[in-house]
Protein backbone atom coordinates (compact mmCIF):
# COMPACT_ATOMS: atom_id res chain seq x y z
CA MET A 1 94.84 129.18 123.77
CA GLY A 2 91.72 127.05 124.20
CA TRP A 3 93.44 123.68 124.09
CA TRP A 4 91.93 121.32 126.66
CA LEU A 5 93.31 117.81 126.96
CA ARG A 6 91.31 115.33 128.99
CA GLY A 7 92.17 111.67 129.19
CA GLY A 8 94.22 109.62 126.77
CA ARG A 9 97.81 108.52 127.04
CA GLY A 10 100.85 109.65 125.14
CA GLY A 11 102.72 107.17 123.03
CA GLU A 12 99.73 105.13 121.91
CA PRO A 13 100.60 103.23 118.71
CA ARG A 14 98.77 104.29 115.61
CA ARG A 15 96.13 101.85 114.61
CA GLY A 16 97.20 98.93 112.51
CA VAL A 17 93.74 97.63 111.81
CA GLY A 18 90.31 98.84 110.83
CA VAL A 19 87.83 97.85 113.52
CA LEU A 20 89.79 97.75 116.78
CA ALA A 21 86.99 96.65 119.09
CA ALA A 22 83.70 94.86 118.63
CA LEU A 23 80.78 97.00 119.71
CA GLY A 24 77.85 95.09 121.09
CA CYS A 25 75.10 97.66 121.02
CA VAL A 26 72.58 97.72 118.19
CA LEU A 27 71.09 101.14 117.57
CA ALA A 28 67.89 102.02 115.81
CA LEU A 29 67.98 104.00 112.57
CA GLY A 30 67.66 107.70 113.28
CA ALA A 31 65.94 110.40 111.32
CA CYS A 32 69.02 111.80 109.59
CA SER A 33 68.88 109.40 106.66
CA VAL A 34 70.42 110.21 103.33
CA PRO A 35 69.85 108.84 99.85
CA GLY A 36 72.03 106.32 98.11
CA ALA A 37 74.75 106.70 95.52
CA GLY A 38 73.69 110.20 94.58
CA GLY A 39 74.64 111.65 97.95
CA ALA A 40 72.58 114.13 99.92
CA ALA A 41 69.56 115.27 97.95
CA ALA A 42 69.36 118.88 96.85
CA GLY A 43 66.28 119.58 98.96
CA GLN A 44 67.41 117.70 102.05
CA GLU A 45 67.62 119.71 105.25
CA LEU A 46 71.12 119.46 106.70
CA PRO A 47 72.12 120.27 110.29
CA GLY A 48 73.55 123.79 110.26
CA GLY A 49 72.32 124.41 106.73
CA ARG A 50 73.83 123.54 103.37
CA ILE A 51 77.45 124.59 102.84
CA LEU A 52 77.88 126.24 99.43
CA ARG A 53 81.38 127.70 99.79
CA PRO A 54 84.33 127.44 102.19
CA VAL A 55 83.51 128.79 105.65
CA GLY A 56 85.70 131.77 106.52
CA PRO A 57 86.36 133.77 109.71
CA GLU A 58 83.63 136.31 108.95
CA ARG A 59 80.90 133.69 108.81
CA VAL A 60 82.13 131.94 111.94
CA ALA A 61 82.37 135.30 113.76
CA GLU A 62 78.65 135.86 113.17
CA HIS A 63 77.97 133.18 115.79
CA GLY A 64 79.83 135.08 118.52
CA ARG A 65 81.85 133.22 121.12
CA THR A 66 81.78 129.56 120.14
CA THR A 67 83.02 126.40 121.78
CA LEU A 68 84.00 123.62 119.40
CA ARG A 69 84.21 120.28 121.19
CA VAL A 70 86.47 117.65 119.62
CA LEU A 71 86.83 113.98 120.57
CA ALA A 72 89.73 112.01 119.09
CA ASP A 73 91.95 108.99 119.43
CA SER A 74 94.99 109.70 121.61
CA GLY A 75 97.26 109.16 118.61
CA GLU A 76 96.07 112.54 117.29
CA ARG A 77 97.34 114.60 120.22
CA GLU A 78 100.48 116.07 118.64
CA PHE A 79 98.73 116.80 115.35
CA LEU A 80 95.77 118.47 117.06
CA LYS A 81 97.98 120.63 119.28
CA ARG A 82 99.55 122.10 116.16
CA LEU A 83 96.27 122.45 114.27
CA VAL A 84 94.28 123.98 117.13
CA ALA A 85 96.90 126.71 117.60
CA ARG A 86 96.63 127.66 113.94
CA PHE A 87 92.84 127.46 113.95
CA GLU A 88 92.25 129.61 117.03
CA LYS A 89 94.57 132.26 115.63
CA LYS A 90 92.51 132.46 112.43
CA TYR A 91 89.14 132.07 114.19
CA PRO A 92 89.63 134.04 117.45
CA ASN A 93 86.00 133.73 118.56
CA VAL A 94 86.27 129.93 118.71
CA ARG A 95 87.56 128.02 121.72
CA VAL A 96 88.51 124.45 120.80
CA GLU A 97 88.12 121.87 123.57
CA VAL A 98 89.89 118.61 122.76
CA GLU A 99 89.37 115.34 124.56
CA THR A 100 91.41 112.28 123.63
CA LYS A 101 91.04 108.67 124.66
CA ALA A 102 93.24 105.63 124.24
CA SER A 103 92.16 103.52 121.27
CA THR A 104 90.63 100.65 123.24
CA ASP A 105 88.43 102.92 125.35
CA PHE A 106 87.68 105.22 122.44
CA PHE A 107 86.20 102.58 120.17
CA LYS A 108 84.28 100.85 122.94
CA THR A 109 82.47 104.03 123.95
CA ILE A 110 82.19 106.17 120.82
CA VAL A 111 78.69 105.08 119.77
CA THR A 112 77.33 105.60 123.28
CA THR A 113 79.04 108.99 123.52
CA MET A 114 77.60 110.18 120.23
CA SER A 115 74.14 108.96 121.26
CA GLY A 116 74.09 111.30 124.27
CA GLU A 117 72.23 114.59 124.54
CA HIS A 118 75.38 116.70 124.15
CA PRO A 119 77.84 114.82 121.94
CA PRO A 120 81.07 116.42 120.70
CA ASP A 121 80.77 118.54 117.55
CA LEU A 122 83.66 116.79 115.81
CA VAL A 123 84.58 113.18 116.40
CA GLN A 124 86.78 110.56 114.89
CA GLY A 125 85.22 107.29 113.84
CA ASN A 126 86.53 104.20 112.11
CA GLN A 127 85.73 102.82 108.69
CA GLY A 128 83.76 99.61 108.61
CA TYR A 129 80.71 98.26 110.35
CA GLY A 130 81.96 98.27 113.93
CA VAL A 131 81.97 102.06 114.36
CA ASP A 132 80.98 104.19 111.36
CA GLY A 133 78.24 101.79 110.30
CA GLN A 134 76.58 102.07 113.69
CA LEU A 135 76.95 105.85 113.77
CA VAL A 136 75.35 106.17 110.34
CA ARG A 137 72.62 103.66 111.18
CA ALA A 138 71.66 105.67 114.24
CA GLY A 139 71.52 108.97 112.34
CA LEU A 140 74.25 110.48 114.51
CA LEU A 141 76.40 111.96 111.72
CA ARG A 142 75.89 114.87 109.34
CA PRO A 143 76.42 114.01 105.65
CA LEU A 144 79.36 115.91 104.15
CA ASP A 145 78.63 115.81 100.41
CA ASP A 146 77.95 119.55 100.34
CA VAL A 147 81.10 120.31 102.33
CA SER A 148 83.22 118.13 100.06
CA HIS A 149 81.88 119.90 96.98
CA ALA A 150 82.37 123.37 98.49
CA TYR A 151 85.99 122.67 99.41
CA GLY A 152 86.89 120.58 96.38
CA TRP A 153 87.89 117.54 98.41
CA ASP A 154 86.85 115.31 95.54
CA LEU A 155 89.76 116.84 93.58
CA ASP A 156 92.27 116.23 96.38
CA HIS A 157 91.06 112.64 96.79
CA PRO A 158 91.22 111.06 93.33
CA GLY A 159 89.33 108.08 91.98
CA GLY A 160 87.32 106.03 94.43
CA THR A 161 89.46 106.80 97.46
CA THR A 162 86.60 108.40 99.41
CA ASP A 163 84.30 105.42 98.83
CA GLN A 164 85.52 103.98 102.14
CA LEU A 165 83.70 106.89 103.83
CA ARG A 166 80.40 106.49 101.97
CA TRP A 167 77.40 104.67 103.39
CA THR A 168 73.89 103.70 102.42
CA PRO A 169 71.27 105.37 104.65
CA ASP A 170 70.75 102.39 106.97
CA GLY A 171 74.44 101.79 107.58
CA THR A 172 74.30 98.28 106.13
CA LEU A 173 76.61 98.79 103.15
CA PHE A 174 79.61 101.04 102.75
CA GLY A 175 81.42 101.97 99.59
CA SER A 176 78.48 103.87 98.09
CA GLY A 177 75.98 106.49 99.20
CA SER A 178 76.62 109.78 100.96
CA LEU A 179 79.96 110.91 102.30
CA TYR A 180 79.95 110.90 106.10
CA GLY A 181 83.57 111.56 106.94
CA ILE A 182 86.93 112.83 105.74
CA SER A 183 90.53 112.21 106.75
CA GLN A 184 93.82 114.03 106.27
CA SER A 185 96.01 111.05 107.16
CA ASN A 186 97.09 108.34 104.74
CA GLU A 187 97.98 104.95 106.24
CA TYR A 188 99.05 101.76 104.58
CA ILE A 189 101.05 98.60 105.14
CA GLY A 190 104.48 98.33 103.59
CA VAL A 191 107.95 96.88 104.03
CA PHE A 192 110.47 98.58 106.29
CA TYR A 193 114.08 97.60 105.71
CA ASN A 194 117.47 98.24 107.26
CA ARG A 195 119.77 99.66 104.59
CA SER A 196 122.94 98.62 106.41
CA LYS A 197 121.78 95.03 106.70
CA LEU A 198 120.81 94.90 103.05
CA SER A 199 124.23 96.22 102.09
CA GLU A 200 126.00 93.64 104.27
CA LEU A 201 123.98 90.84 102.66
CA GLY A 202 124.35 92.13 99.11
CA ILE A 203 120.59 92.72 98.79
CA ARG A 204 119.34 95.74 96.89
CA PRO A 205 116.32 97.61 98.27
CA PRO A 206 113.40 95.74 96.66
CA HIS A 207 111.12 97.45 94.18
CA SER A 208 109.10 94.42 93.03
CA TRP A 209 107.52 91.48 94.82
CA ALA A 210 109.96 89.10 93.16
CA GLU A 211 112.90 91.16 94.45
CA PHE A 212 111.40 91.24 97.94
CA THR A 213 110.80 87.49 98.19
CA ALA A 214 114.29 86.88 96.79
CA GLY A 215 115.60 89.10 99.57
CA LEU A 216 113.77 87.00 102.16
CA ARG A 217 115.42 83.85 100.81
CA LYS A 218 118.86 85.43 100.76
CA ALA A 219 118.51 86.74 104.31
CA LYS A 220 117.50 83.29 105.56
CA GLU A 221 120.40 81.64 103.75
CA ALA A 222 122.77 84.11 105.41
CA GLY A 223 121.51 83.15 108.86
CA GLU A 224 119.60 86.38 109.42
CA LEU A 225 115.98 86.73 110.53
CA PRO A 226 114.23 87.69 107.27
CA LEU A 227 111.07 89.22 108.78
CA GLN A 228 110.61 90.72 112.22
CA LEU A 229 107.09 90.01 113.50
CA GLY A 230 105.34 90.57 116.81
CA ASN A 231 101.89 88.99 116.66
CA ALA A 232 100.76 88.88 120.29
CA ASP A 233 97.99 91.34 119.38
CA GLN A 234 97.10 89.18 116.34
CA TYR A 235 96.54 92.03 113.88
CA PRO A 236 100.18 92.15 112.60
CA ALA A 237 99.81 88.74 110.92
CA GLU A 238 96.67 90.06 109.23
CA GLN A 239 98.88 92.82 107.83
CA LEU A 240 101.24 90.19 106.42
CA LEU A 241 98.31 88.41 104.78
CA GLY A 242 97.00 91.68 103.36
CA THR A 243 100.42 92.51 101.92
CA ILE A 244 100.66 89.16 100.15
CA GLN A 245 97.03 89.25 99.06
CA ALA A 246 97.47 92.69 97.49
CA GLN A 247 99.88 91.06 95.04
CA LYS A 248 97.38 88.42 93.94
CA VAL A 249 93.84 89.80 94.11
CA PRO A 250 92.41 92.81 92.21
CA VAL A 251 91.76 95.83 94.42
CA ASN A 252 88.06 96.00 93.55
CA GLU A 253 87.61 92.32 94.39
CA SER A 254 89.14 92.80 97.83
CA ARG A 255 87.05 95.89 98.54
CA ALA A 256 83.85 94.28 97.34
CA TRP A 257 84.22 91.46 99.86
CA ILE A 258 85.07 93.85 102.69
CA ASN A 259 82.18 96.14 101.75
CA GLY A 260 79.73 93.24 101.90
CA VAL A 261 78.75 93.13 98.23
CA PRO A 262 76.39 90.17 97.67
CA GLY A 263 77.90 87.21 95.86
CA THR A 264 81.46 87.81 97.03
CA THR A 265 83.42 85.29 99.09
CA PHE A 266 86.76 85.08 100.86
CA ALA A 267 87.32 81.57 99.56
CA THR A 268 88.80 82.66 96.22
CA ALA A 269 91.79 81.30 94.35
CA GLY A 270 93.77 84.47 95.04
CA ASN A 271 93.11 84.39 98.78
CA ARG A 272 93.93 80.69 98.86
CA GLU A 273 97.27 81.41 97.19
CA ALA A 274 97.99 84.26 99.62
CA ALA A 275 97.21 82.13 102.68
CA ARG A 276 99.36 79.32 101.32
CA GLU A 277 102.30 81.69 100.79
CA LEU A 278 101.97 83.13 104.29
CA ARG A 279 101.94 79.65 105.81
CA GLY A 280 104.99 78.86 103.69
CA TRP A 281 106.86 81.83 105.18
CA ALA A 282 106.28 80.41 108.65
CA ARG A 283 107.39 76.91 107.62
CA LYS A 284 110.56 78.24 105.99
CA GLY A 285 111.50 80.09 109.16
CA TYR A 286 111.17 83.55 107.63
CA LEU A 287 109.28 84.73 110.74
CA GLY A 288 111.59 83.17 113.30
CA THR A 289 110.11 81.66 116.47
CA GLY A 290 108.03 82.96 119.36
CA TYR A 291 106.43 85.75 117.34
CA ASN A 292 102.94 85.04 118.74
CA GLY A 293 104.27 86.07 122.15
CA VAL A 294 105.89 89.32 121.00
CA SER A 295 103.94 92.59 120.95
CA ALA A 296 103.88 94.82 117.89
CA ASP A 297 105.74 97.56 119.76
CA ASP A 298 108.43 95.14 120.90
CA ALA A 299 108.82 93.92 117.32
CA VAL A 300 109.54 97.49 116.20
CA SER A 301 112.11 97.82 118.98
CA LYS A 302 113.75 94.55 117.96
CA PHE A 303 113.84 95.61 114.31
CA THR A 304 115.46 98.95 115.08
CA ALA A 305 118.00 97.09 117.25
CA GLY A 306 119.10 95.09 114.21
CA LYS A 307 117.03 91.95 114.71
CA GLY A 308 115.44 91.40 111.33
CA VAL A 309 116.25 92.47 107.79
CA PHE A 310 112.68 93.42 106.84
CA MET A 311 109.52 94.26 108.77
CA ILE A 312 106.03 94.40 107.29
CA ALA A 313 104.12 97.02 109.26
CA GLY A 314 102.02 100.16 109.04
CA SER A 315 103.44 103.38 107.67
CA TRP A 316 102.59 105.03 111.01
CA ASN A 317 105.61 103.25 112.55
CA ALA A 318 107.94 105.59 110.65
CA PRO A 319 108.72 107.91 113.60
CA ALA A 320 109.76 104.96 115.78
CA VAL A 321 111.79 103.31 113.02
CA GLY A 322 113.36 106.45 111.60
CA GLY A 323 114.07 107.82 115.05
CA LYS A 324 116.36 104.88 115.79
CA LEU A 325 117.77 103.93 112.38
CA GLY A 326 118.01 107.40 110.83
CA ASP A 327 119.03 107.23 107.18
CA ASP A 328 119.46 103.47 107.47
CA ALA A 329 115.66 103.20 107.57
CA GLY A 330 114.02 102.40 104.26
CA PHE A 331 110.43 101.71 103.23
CA THR A 332 108.75 100.31 100.14
CA VAL A 333 105.56 98.81 98.79
CA PRO A 334 106.78 96.20 96.29
CA ARG A 335 105.22 96.61 92.85
CA THR A 336 102.89 93.93 91.54
CA ALA A 337 103.76 91.79 88.52
CA ASP A 338 102.01 94.32 86.27
CA GLY A 339 103.87 97.25 87.84
CA ARG A 340 101.13 98.64 90.08
CA THR A 341 101.53 99.95 93.61
CA VAL A 342 98.92 98.14 95.72
CA ALA A 343 98.77 97.76 99.49
CA ALA A 344 96.50 96.98 102.38
CA GLY A 345 95.61 100.39 103.69
CA ALA A 346 93.19 103.27 103.77
CA PHE A 347 92.75 106.75 105.10
CA GLY A 348 93.49 107.17 108.78
CA LEU A 349 90.63 107.47 111.25
CA PRO A 350 87.96 109.65 109.61
CA TRP A 351 86.49 112.81 111.08
CA HIS A 352 82.74 113.31 111.42
CA ILE A 353 80.42 116.18 112.31
CA SER A 354 77.68 115.36 114.80
CA ALA A 355 74.14 115.65 113.49
CA LYS A 356 73.33 117.37 116.81
CA SER A 357 76.08 119.98 116.62
CA ASP A 358 75.13 123.62 117.16
CA ALA A 359 78.59 124.70 115.95
CA THR A 360 78.43 123.32 112.43
CA ASP A 361 80.10 126.31 110.78
CA ALA A 362 83.06 126.14 113.17
CA ALA A 363 83.27 122.38 112.69
CA VAL A 364 83.28 122.75 108.91
CA ALA A 365 85.95 125.46 109.11
CA PHE A 366 88.08 123.19 111.32
CA LEU A 367 87.78 120.32 108.83
CA GLY A 368 88.57 122.76 106.04
CA MET A 369 91.83 123.77 107.70
CA MET A 370 92.61 120.15 108.51
CA GLN A 371 92.31 119.23 104.82
CA SER A 372 94.35 122.21 103.64
CA ARG A 373 98.10 122.45 103.08
CA THR A 374 98.27 124.01 106.54
CA GLY A 375 96.71 120.91 108.05
CA ALA A 376 98.89 118.64 105.94
CA GLN A 377 102.04 120.38 107.16
CA ALA A 378 100.85 120.16 110.77
CA MET A 379 100.39 116.43 110.30
CA ALA A 380 103.82 116.01 108.71
CA ASP A 381 105.39 118.02 111.54
CA ALA A 382 103.77 115.58 113.98
CA GLY A 383 105.49 112.69 112.20
CA ARG A 384 102.42 111.51 110.32
CA LEU A 385 101.75 110.99 106.62
CA PRO A 386 99.13 113.36 105.20
CA VAL A 387 96.88 112.63 102.24
CA VAL A 388 97.91 115.90 100.61
CA THR A 389 101.71 115.86 100.20
CA ASP A 390 102.35 118.36 97.39
CA GLY A 391 104.08 121.39 98.86
CA VAL A 392 104.51 119.70 102.24
CA ASP A 393 107.96 119.36 103.82
CA MET A 394 108.35 115.83 105.15
CA PRO A 395 110.69 115.57 108.15
CA ASP A 396 113.25 113.10 106.83
CA ARG A 397 114.28 110.69 104.07
CA LEU A 398 111.92 107.98 105.32
CA GLY A 399 109.00 110.39 105.38
CA ARG A 400 109.72 111.49 101.82
CA GLN A 401 109.83 107.84 100.72
CA GLN A 402 106.47 107.18 102.32
CA ALA A 403 104.94 110.34 100.87
CA ALA A 404 105.98 109.35 97.34
CA THR A 405 104.61 105.83 97.80
CA GLY A 406 101.42 107.13 99.37
CA LYS A 407 100.84 109.47 96.45
CA ARG A 408 101.21 106.58 93.99
CA LEU A 409 98.72 104.55 96.02
CA LEU A 410 96.14 107.32 95.99
CA LEU A 411 96.57 108.26 92.33
CA GLY A 412 96.37 104.60 91.35
CA ASP A 413 93.50 103.90 93.76
CA GLY A 414 95.60 101.02 95.08
CA GLN A 415 94.54 100.67 98.71
CA THR A 416 92.66 97.44 99.42
CA TYR A 417 91.34 98.45 102.89
CA TYR A 418 91.59 96.10 105.89
CA PHE A 419 89.97 92.68 106.15
CA ASP A 420 88.66 93.29 109.65
CA TRP A 421 86.30 96.01 108.42
CA ALA A 422 84.12 93.22 107.04
CA SER A 423 82.16 92.57 110.26
CA HIS A 424 81.91 93.52 113.91
CA SER A 425 83.80 90.40 114.96
CA MET A 426 86.22 90.00 112.05
CA LEU A 427 89.18 91.47 113.92
CA ALA A 428 89.08 88.67 116.49
CA THR A 429 88.16 86.02 113.93
CA ILE A 430 90.87 86.71 111.39
CA GLY A 431 93.43 87.35 114.11
CA SER A 432 92.97 84.00 115.83
CA ALA A 433 92.52 82.16 112.53
CA THR A 434 95.77 83.56 111.13
CA GLN A 435 97.62 82.52 114.27
CA ASP A 436 96.22 79.01 113.80
CA LEU A 437 97.22 79.04 110.13
CA LEU A 438 100.81 79.99 110.98
CA THR A 439 101.13 77.31 113.66
CA GLY A 440 99.57 74.62 111.45
CA ARG A 441 96.42 74.15 113.51
CA LEU A 442 94.32 75.22 110.52
CA SER A 443 94.63 74.10 106.92
CA VAL A 444 94.40 76.75 104.22
CA GLY A 445 90.91 75.59 103.27
CA ALA A 446 89.66 75.61 106.86
CA TYR A 447 91.20 79.04 107.34
CA LEU A 448 89.33 80.53 104.41
CA ARG A 449 86.08 78.92 105.53
CA ARG A 450 86.37 80.24 109.08
CA ILE A 451 86.80 83.80 107.84
CA GLU A 452 83.97 83.55 105.32
CA ARG A 453 81.66 82.01 107.94
CA ASP A 454 82.12 85.05 110.16
CA ARG A 455 81.28 87.52 107.40
CA ALA A 456 78.35 85.48 106.09
CA GLY A 457 76.83 85.35 109.56
CA PHE A 458 77.26 89.07 110.01
CA LEU A 459 75.65 89.90 106.67
CA ALA A 460 72.71 87.65 107.52
CA GLU A 461 72.24 89.62 110.74
CA GLN A 462 72.39 92.88 108.82
CA GLU A 463 69.77 91.67 106.37
CA ALA A 464 67.52 90.54 109.20
CA LYS A 465 67.75 93.96 110.85
CA THR A 466 66.83 95.66 107.59
CA ARG A 467 63.81 93.38 107.14
CA GLY A 468 62.82 94.01 110.74
CA ARG A 469 62.60 97.73 110.04
CA GLY A 470 60.21 97.09 107.21
CA GLY A 471 62.50 97.29 104.18
CA GLY A 472 65.91 98.19 102.82
CA SER A 473 67.45 101.48 101.93
């Protein structure tokens, strides 16, 4: 088998945020521009030619012995091992070389790597301006509108769920334009709970936000820690804010601000209410003490050891939680007041084809298998939640719960994305600001202003860059 594994570390936590590292380089717009909302134009020359139908073994075999080079986050190792074995069996003339890197190194170097003379054919990116925006701006990615149409991905991804992977040609606005990536993994923030603890306390597994907050109160009154939180890395508190905010702010309003739509602001009544509620949780003792010194991984370990009734965290923590708690592990996204399933979340790290690839057909075939039921089952077998869950055997009760919730989120277009996608520096800004909000160093008003100031400054820089190139998209 042609599996090569270079670099990376096993056991890396799945990402809990959008932009994991600020990238300082500013790249010039390349020649591989695409039009706006209409996607790639019919007459546009595409690297490797336009894909009109799914790419099968016969077409790939026409290229003779082919090496397909893949670069991914280390969290994909188990999934890719399974998928590569299936792919090389079906496409025997293709040797797949896989390199993985730990998240921190991966996101710091990805733009530079893709700017080289011989970049990988397939690479993972990250939604938002810090990674994908720079890759699109530099013309380093092949548009995938034709591939999506040929494979029917628009049918598997209902509503506006793929908008998070669409960009305007200059990489200054995402949410519209051509499709530059695709993902098989579905990730979102929800509420883990310990069934045994709920039973002991007389709390039913919550289905609505009112039931969940009532459960927090009851747990506190019983002397239990209501919410396990480890916020040393700062992003977990952002996940708490996003979970509360999803109950109070329309999905499109949240996305518009993250996407950089002119006229939007973070200082809204809904966000003010969400920040106030989060600060209230800290003041009521729902989060316990010392959480800003506890890592996210340690918080998961504490939760599975019985310290905490609930834990708000990413769905990707299911293997760690379920592995320890077994059938005692439960998971939910509390319904909104109007009965909708809404959560902070998005697709997992998207996959892109390099605009410089000389193995486009093999790359397309690999993405095609990744997006198929075969790829979905490989992802489920690796303990991950695929986008496509129909006909897929999830490994346990917790996985089946998450699959059902994930399907409702996708069908209802209920994922709000992640706040830190909003600018290169938003991860650090919202992380430190939320810590200050929880400890009382920032008022709610000052908190909202600090976050909005970051995004406003970033958008001003984006506009200046566009003007400096002699016009917009």
